[in-house]
Amino acid sequence: MKIIDVRSDTVTKPTPEMFAAMAKAEVGDDVFGEDPTVNRLQELAADCMGKEAGLFVASGTMGNLIATLAACQRGDEVIMGDLGHTFLFEAGGISALGGVFPHTLQNQPDGTLRLTDIRAAIRSNDVHFPRSRMLILENTQNRCGGVVLSRDYTDQAAALGHEHGLHVHMDGARIFNASAAAKIPARDLVCSVDSVTFCLSKGLCAPVGSVLCGSKAFIDQARRVRKMLGGGMRQAGVLAAAGILAIEKMSLRLEEDHARAKRLAEGLATIPGVRFDIGMPQTNMVFPTLDESVRMGSREFVQRLADKGIRIGVTGDRKFRLVMHYWIDNADVDFILSSVRELLRA
């Protein structure tokens, strides 16, 4: 049975070209700064983001954690969305490992944080309060539906943060998806932030890794934090080789995933019992909800699709996520649609 796995774009596997590049990658000791393939990846990533320097890290979670620890001291506060990845899905690392306090604001349906809310959240200089040090944005915003933050909004939020001395970080795990949807270069979406992390291992198909980009001074500090966290990967060029192809080639095809997400969502919307509470997809994520009129519960729905070889994600009671990626084609989308129609008609 063929498995159609749309739980996330993290399930992607390297392409044959990536495996070939990994097999012949030139390597060295990255902790000493001597791995030429890692160095090339970091330079390429920094150029794509319009920043001075980059740092190859094991994951997006590590990149966001390193950025926070490089920008903040213990007892400082970071302003972020209540649906942000750093708050929901990074195991409380900034607090557990950095003693940094998260100050969450409500994410709006379009993924933004209200500028008035950000301004109100910034602490005054009072010994009773933690010090506001950092603002984290997310683009695309996962839990709001994979929505895109505009350059104009990001510029305004960054200007507000800088006005109050905040380090502004972008969790850009899927920034290339945002770039494809907005039809502007990724560097233009992050030009006003101080640092950005983006993932190589989601829709870009690399086996592992993310890159944190920022100023040279910031990345120098981040490199020290990476070592502290055990993130020095030594001969990591075998991984960086796939990351280079992820940026140079895989980032250019993401509109295909977006088109399939639209096709899937429009097909699901025609099936009685399926609705879209948070709207139709802007990028590669589809978030359908089963109507209360459907007698089948979430667990049974997921299991019966799994019996057909379709794996989907659950985001809440009767709420699901299906993510398009390189290894999903039009025939897979059609099979998902026919399978859901069959299940809900039964």
Protein backbone atom coordinates (compact mmCIF):
# COMPACT_ATOMS: atom_id res chain seq x y z
CA MET A 1 0.00 0.00 0.00
CA LYS A 2 1.31 3.44 -0.88
CA ILE A 3 1.49 5.79 2.12
CA ILE A 4 0.34 9.36 1.50
CA ASP A 5 1.74 11.26 4.48
CA VAL A 6 0.39 14.81 4.76
CA ARG A 7 0.73 15.23 8.51
CA SER A 8 3.45 17.82 7.89
CA ASP A 9 6.10 18.86 5.39
CA THR A 10 8.63 17.64 7.97
CA VAL A 11 8.05 14.11 6.63
CA THR A 12 9.81 14.93 3.37
CA LYS A 13 12.81 12.83 2.41
CA PRO A 14 15.88 14.00 0.48
CA THR A 15 15.78 13.92 -3.31
CA PRO A 16 18.13 11.64 -5.25
CA GLU A 17 20.17 14.72 -6.18
CA MET A 18 20.56 15.54 -2.49
CA PHE A 19 21.79 12.04 -1.67
CA ALA A 20 24.35 12.31 -4.45
CA ALA A 21 25.56 15.71 -3.20
CA MET A 22 25.81 14.39 0.36
CA ALA A 23 27.89 11.42 -0.77
CA LYS A 24 30.55 13.61 -2.37
CA ALA A 25 30.46 16.60 0.00
CA GLU A 26 33.78 18.11 1.03
CA VAL A 27 33.92 18.26 4.82
CA GLY A 28 36.00 19.63 7.68
CA ASP A 29 35.56 20.48 11.37
CA ASP A 30 32.73 23.02 11.53
CA VAL A 31 33.39 23.89 15.19
CA PHE A 32 36.76 25.16 13.98
CA GLY A 33 35.01 26.88 11.06
CA GLU A 34 36.78 24.55 8.64
CA ASP A 35 33.93 22.74 6.90
CA PRO A 36 33.81 24.31 3.42
CA THR A 37 30.34 22.99 2.59
CA VAL A 38 28.85 24.33 5.82
CA ASN A 39 30.57 27.66 5.22
CA ARG A 40 29.09 27.83 1.72
CA LEU A 41 25.61 27.03 3.06
CA GLN A 42 25.87 29.73 5.73
CA GLU A 43 27.04 32.32 3.21
CA LEU A 44 24.26 31.36 0.78
CA ALA A 45 21.63 31.51 3.51
CA ALA A 46 22.81 34.90 4.76
CA ASP A 47 22.74 36.29 1.22
CA CYS A 48 19.20 34.97 0.67
CA MET A 49 18.05 36.65 3.88
CA GLY A 50 19.97 39.88 3.27
CA LYS A 51 21.99 39.44 6.48
CA GLU A 52 25.71 39.56 7.22
CA ALA A 53 26.18 36.01 8.45
CA GLY A 54 24.49 32.65 8.98
CA LEU A 55 24.81 29.72 11.38
CA PHE A 56 23.86 26.13 10.53
CA VAL A 57 21.89 24.56 13.39
CA ALA A 58 20.17 21.23 13.95
CA SER A 59 16.57 22.48 13.88
CA GLY A 60 14.28 25.47 13.78
CA THR A 61 13.62 25.03 17.48
CA MET A 62 17.36 25.22 18.16
CA GLY A 63 17.64 28.28 15.93
CA ASN A 64 14.89 30.14 17.77
CA LEU A 65 16.33 29.10 21.14
CA ILE A 66 19.83 30.24 20.19
CA ALA A 67 18.48 33.56 18.91
CA THR A 68 16.68 34.13 22.21
CA LEU A 69 19.68 33.19 24.35
CA ALA A 70 21.96 35.37 22.24
CA ALA A 71 19.66 38.39 22.58
CA CYS A 72 18.42 38.03 26.17
CA GLN A 73 19.66 37.57 29.73
CA ARG A 74 18.00 35.56 32.50
CA GLY A 75 14.93 37.38 33.76
CA ASP A 76 14.32 39.16 30.46
CA GLU A 77 11.03 38.96 28.61
CA VAL A 78 10.16 38.03 25.01
CA ILE A 79 6.94 39.20 23.37
CA MET A 80 5.39 36.59 21.05
CA GLY A 81 2.09 35.25 19.75
CA ASP A 82 -0.02 32.83 21.75
CA LEU A 83 -0.19 30.67 18.61
CA GLY A 84 3.50 31.06 17.88
CA HIS A 85 5.72 28.02 17.44
CA THR A 86 8.16 29.16 20.12
CA PHE A 87 5.34 29.33 22.67
CA LEU A 88 3.42 26.19 21.67
CA PHE A 89 5.91 23.68 20.31
CA GLU A 90 9.43 24.28 21.60
CA ALA A 91 9.13 22.58 25.01
CA GLY A 92 9.45 25.82 26.98
CA GLY A 93 13.14 25.92 26.11
CA ILE A 94 13.62 29.68 26.42
CA SER A 95 12.41 29.49 30.04
CA ALA A 96 13.90 26.12 31.02
CA LEU A 97 17.32 26.80 29.55
CA GLY A 98 17.51 30.58 29.41
CA GLY A 99 15.36 31.83 32.28
CA VAL A 100 13.55 34.00 29.73
CA PHE A 101 9.89 34.85 30.29
CA PRO A 102 7.38 34.61 27.41
CA HIS A 103 4.84 37.44 27.21
CA THR A 104 2.15 36.16 24.85
CA LEU A 105 -0.23 38.29 22.79
CA GLN A 106 -3.24 37.10 20.83
CA ASN A 107 -2.47 36.18 17.25
CA GLN A 108 -5.00 37.70 14.89
CA PRO A 109 -6.59 35.50 12.18
CA ASP A 110 -4.09 36.90 9.66
CA GLY A 111 -1.18 35.78 11.86
CA THR A 112 -0.21 39.24 13.03
CA LEU A 113 0.07 40.70 16.52
CA ARG A 114 -1.74 44.01 16.87
CA LEU A 115 0.74 46.86 16.96
CA THR A 116 -1.22 48.43 19.80
CA ASP A 117 -0.90 45.17 21.75
CA ILE A 118 2.85 45.05 21.15
CA ARG A 119 3.24 48.64 22.31
CA ALA A 120 1.17 47.96 25.43
CA ALA A 121 3.21 44.85 26.23
CA ILE A 122 6.57 46.62 26.29
CA ARG A 123 7.53 47.16 29.93
CA SER A 124 8.54 50.44 31.44
CA ASN A 125 11.88 50.66 33.26
CA ASP A 126 10.68 49.48 36.66
CA VAL A 127 12.54 47.14 39.02
CA HIS A 128 9.30 45.21 39.60
CA PHE A 129 9.10 44.09 35.96
CA PRO A 130 11.09 41.78 33.71
CA ARG A 131 12.89 43.70 30.98
CA SER A 132 11.33 43.60 27.52
CA ARG A 133 14.20 42.52 25.27
CA MET A 134 12.83 40.76 22.21
CA LEU A 135 9.90 40.44 19.82
CA ILE A 136 9.31 37.20 17.88
CA LEU A 137 7.16 37.09 14.75
CA GLU A 138 6.37 34.00 12.64
CA ASN A 139 6.10 33.81 8.85
CA THR A 140 4.32 31.80 7.62
CA GLN A 141 2.18 31.60 10.73
CA ASN A 142 1.49 27.91 11.18
CA ARG A 143 -1.47 27.69 13.55
CA CYS A 144 -3.33 30.55 11.85
CA GLY A 145 -3.43 28.45 8.70
CA GLY A 146 -0.01 28.88 7.16
CA VAL A 147 -0.79 32.53 6.49
CA VAL A 148 1.69 35.10 5.19
CA LEU A 149 2.82 38.20 7.07
CA SER A 150 3.26 41.07 4.65
CA ARG A 151 6.46 43.05 4.36
CA ASP A 152 4.58 46.19 5.33
CA TYR A 153 3.33 44.65 8.58
CA THR A 154 6.74 43.20 9.46
CA ASP A 155 8.40 46.56 8.81
CA GLN A 156 5.90 48.32 11.09
CA ALA A 157 6.26 45.76 13.88
CA ALA A 158 10.05 45.83 13.62
CA ALA A 159 10.12 49.63 13.69
CA LEU A 160 7.99 49.58 16.84
CA GLY A 161 10.27 47.04 18.47
CA HIS A 162 13.41 48.95 17.54
CA GLU A 163 11.88 52.17 18.86
CA HIS A 164 11.91 50.51 22.27
CA GLY A 165 15.25 48.76 21.95
CA LEU A 166 13.92 45.27 21.26
CA HIS A 167 15.74 42.64 19.23
CA VAL A 168 13.25 41.58 16.55
CA HIS A 169 13.46 37.94 15.47
CA MET A 170 11.56 36.18 12.71
CA ASP A 171 10.72 32.52 13.07
CA GLY A 172 10.81 32.05 9.32
CA ALA A 173 10.64 28.26 9.30
CA ARG A 174 8.64 28.48 6.06
CA ILE A 175 9.80 31.92 4.89
CA PHE A 176 10.30 30.59 1.36
CA ASN A 177 6.63 29.58 1.30
CA ALA A 178 5.77 33.11 2.34
CA SER A 179 8.04 34.44 -0.38
CA ALA A 180 6.41 32.25 -3.03
CA ALA A 181 2.91 33.30 -1.97
CA ALA A 182 3.76 37.02 -1.71
CA LYS A 183 5.80 36.85 -4.93
CA ILE A 184 8.67 38.84 -3.46
CA PRO A 185 12.16 37.69 -2.41
CA ALA A 186 12.50 36.25 1.08
CA ARG A 187 15.10 38.88 1.93
CA ASP A 188 12.50 41.59 1.37
CA LEU A 189 10.15 39.95 3.88
CA VAL A 190 12.83 39.98 6.60
CA CYS A 191 14.86 43.07 5.73
CA SER A 192 13.71 44.97 8.81
CA VAL A 193 14.21 42.22 11.43
CA ASP A 194 17.46 41.64 13.31
CA SER A 195 17.56 37.87 12.93
CA VAL A 196 15.71 35.10 11.14
CA THR A 197 15.65 31.31 11.36
CA PHE A 198 14.48 29.23 8.41
CA CYS A 199 14.18 25.47 7.98
CA LEU A 200 15.84 23.36 5.32
CA SER A 201 14.09 20.16 6.39
CA LYS A 202 10.42 20.95 5.80
CA GLY A 203 9.16 21.69 2.30
CA LEU A 204 12.73 22.09 1.09
CA CYS A 205 13.38 18.33 1.59
CA ALA A 206 16.80 18.42 3.30
CA PRO A 207 17.18 15.62 5.86
CA VAL A 208 17.90 17.92 8.80
CA GLY A 209 18.81 21.46 9.72
CA SER A 210 17.97 25.15 9.80
CA VAL A 211 19.98 28.33 9.42
CA LEU A 212 19.96 31.31 11.77
CA CYS A 213 20.93 34.58 10.08
CA GLY A 214 21.75 38.03 11.44
CA SER A 215 24.57 40.50 11.90
CA LYS A 216 28.13 39.20 12.19
CA ALA A 217 28.30 40.20 15.85
CA PHE A 218 25.01 38.47 16.60
CA ILE A 219 26.03 35.27 14.82
CA ASP A 220 29.37 35.27 16.67
CA GLN A 221 27.41 35.23 19.92
CA ALA A 222 24.97 32.67 18.52
CA ARG A 223 27.86 30.36 17.62
CA ARG A 224 29.00 30.41 21.25
CA VAL A 225 25.45 29.59 22.40
CA ARG A 226 25.22 26.76 19.85
CA LYS A 227 28.36 25.22 21.31
CA MET A 228 26.96 25.58 24.81
CA LEU A 229 23.84 23.68 23.76
CA GLY A 230 25.87 20.85 22.24
CA GLY A 231 25.06 21.94 18.70
CA GLY A 232 28.58 21.85 17.25
CA MET A 233 28.16 19.23 14.52
CA ARG A 234 31.80 18.81 13.35
CA GLN A 235 31.86 17.28 9.82
CA ALA A 236 28.38 18.55 9.01
CA GLY A 237 29.10 19.20 5.35
CA VAL A 238 27.32 15.96 4.44
CA LEU A 239 24.13 17.62 5.76
CA ALA A 240 24.91 21.10 4.49
CA ALA A 241 25.27 19.76 0.94
CA ALA A 242 21.58 18.88 0.95
CA GLY A 243 20.79 22.25 2.49
CA ILE A 244 22.49 24.06 -0.39
CA LEU A 245 20.29 22.25 -2.90
CA ALA A 246 17.28 22.96 -0.70
CA ILE A 247 17.87 26.68 -1.09
CA GLU A 248 19.10 26.73 -4.68
CA LYS A 249 16.46 24.41 -6.15
CA MET A 250 13.71 23.30 -3.80
CA SER A 251 12.80 26.84 -2.71
CA LEU A 252 11.91 27.64 -6.33
CA ARG A 253 9.14 25.04 -6.68
CA LEU A 254 6.95 25.77 -3.65
CA GLU A 255 4.14 27.28 -5.72
CA GLU A 256 3.39 23.71 -6.84
CA ASP A 257 2.64 22.76 -3.24
CA HIS A 258 0.47 25.85 -2.81
CA ALA A 259 -1.51 24.98 -5.93
CA ARG A 260 -2.12 21.45 -4.65
CA ALA A 261 -3.21 22.80 -1.25
CA LYS A 262 -5.74 25.03 -3.01
CA ARG A 263 -6.95 22.13 -5.14
CA LEU A 264 -7.34 19.92 -2.07
CA ALA A 265 -9.14 22.59 -0.03
CA GLU A 266 -11.53 23.48 -2.84
CA GLY A 267 -12.34 19.79 -3.30
CA LEU A 268 -12.88 19.20 0.42
CA ALA A 269 -15.13 22.25 0.62
CA THR A 270 -17.58 20.57 -1.78
CA ILE A 271 -18.00 17.57 0.52
CA PRO A 272 -20.98 17.81 2.91
CA GLY A 273 -19.74 17.82 6.51
CA VAL A 274 -16.42 19.57 5.82
CA ARG A 275 -15.93 23.26 6.52
CA PHE A 276 -13.03 25.70 6.80
CA ASP A 277 -13.20 27.69 10.02
CA ILE A 278 -9.91 29.55 9.49
CA GLY A 279 -10.21 30.07 5.77
CA MET A 280 -8.78 28.59 2.61
CA PRO A 281 -5.03 28.03 2.28
CA GLN A 282 -2.62 30.80 1.38
CA THR A 283 0.38 28.46 1.19
CA ASN A 284 0.84 24.68 1.59
CA MET A 285 -1.36 24.01 4.63
CA VAL A 286 -5.00 22.91 4.59
CA PHE A 287 -7.03 23.13 7.83
CA PRO A 288 -10.45 21.47 7.47
CA THR A 289 -12.98 20.92 10.25
CA LEU A 290 -15.57 18.14 10.47
CA ASP A 291 -19.03 19.56 11.04
CA GLU A 292 -20.96 18.42 14.11
CA SER A 293 -23.46 16.79 11.75
CA VAL A 294 -20.82 14.15 10.97
CA ARG A 295 -21.27 11.32 13.43
CA MET A 296 -17.74 10.08 13.02
CA GLY A 297 -15.32 11.34 15.68
CA SER A 298 -11.81 12.65 15.07
CA ARG A 299 -10.05 9.45 16.13
CA GLU A 300 -12.20 7.24 13.90
CA PHE A 301 -11.83 9.63 10.94
CA VAL A 302 -8.04 9.63 11.22
CA GLN A 303 -7.87 5.85 11.67
CA ARG A 304 -10.11 5.09 8.70
CA LEU A 305 -8.01 7.33 6.48
CA ALA A 306 -4.88 5.65 7.84
CA ASP A 307 -6.39 2.29 6.85
CA LYS A 308 -6.37 3.64 3.29
CA GLY A 309 -2.74 4.73 3.59
CA ILE A 310 -3.48 8.42 4.23
CA ARG A 311 -1.88 10.03 7.28
CA ILE A 312 -3.23 13.41 8.40
CA GLY A 313 -2.58 15.63 11.40
CA VAL A 314 -5.02 16.50 14.19
CA THR A 315 -4.99 20.08 15.51
CA GLY A 316 -8.04 20.00 17.78
CA ASP A 317 -11.46 18.46 18.30
CA ARG A 318 -12.74 17.68 14.78
CA LYS A 319 -9.96 19.86 13.34
CA PHE A 320 -7.20 18.60 11.06
CA ARG A 321 -4.13 19.70 9.12
CA LEU A 322 -2.99 18.39 5.75
CA VAL A 323 0.30 19.76 4.41
CA MET A 324 1.38 19.58 0.78
CA HIS A 325 5.03 18.93 -0.07
CA TYR A 326 7.39 17.66 -2.77
CA TRP A 327 6.40 14.02 -2.39
CA ILE A 328 2.67 14.65 -2.89
CA ASP A 329 1.34 14.75 -6.47
CA ASN A 330 -2.03 15.45 -8.08
CA ALA A 331 -3.01 11.78 -8.00
CA ASP A 332 -2.44 11.76 -4.22
CA VAL A 333 -4.67 14.80 -3.83
CA ASP A 334 -7.40 13.13 -5.88
CA PHE A 335 -7.11 9.96 -3.78
CA ILE A 336 -7.45 11.95 -0.55
CA LEU A 337 -10.56 13.66 -1.91
CA SER A 338 -12.19 10.44 -3.08
CA SER A 339 -11.38 8.74 0.23
CA VAL A 340 -12.90 11.53 2.33
CA ARG A 341 -16.02 11.57 0.13
CA GLU A 342 -16.40 7.83 0.57
CA LEU A 343 -15.95 7.99 4.36
CA LEU A 344 -18.42 10.81 4.88
CA ARG A 345 -20.98 9.32 2.55
CA ALA A 346 -20.99 6.02 4.45
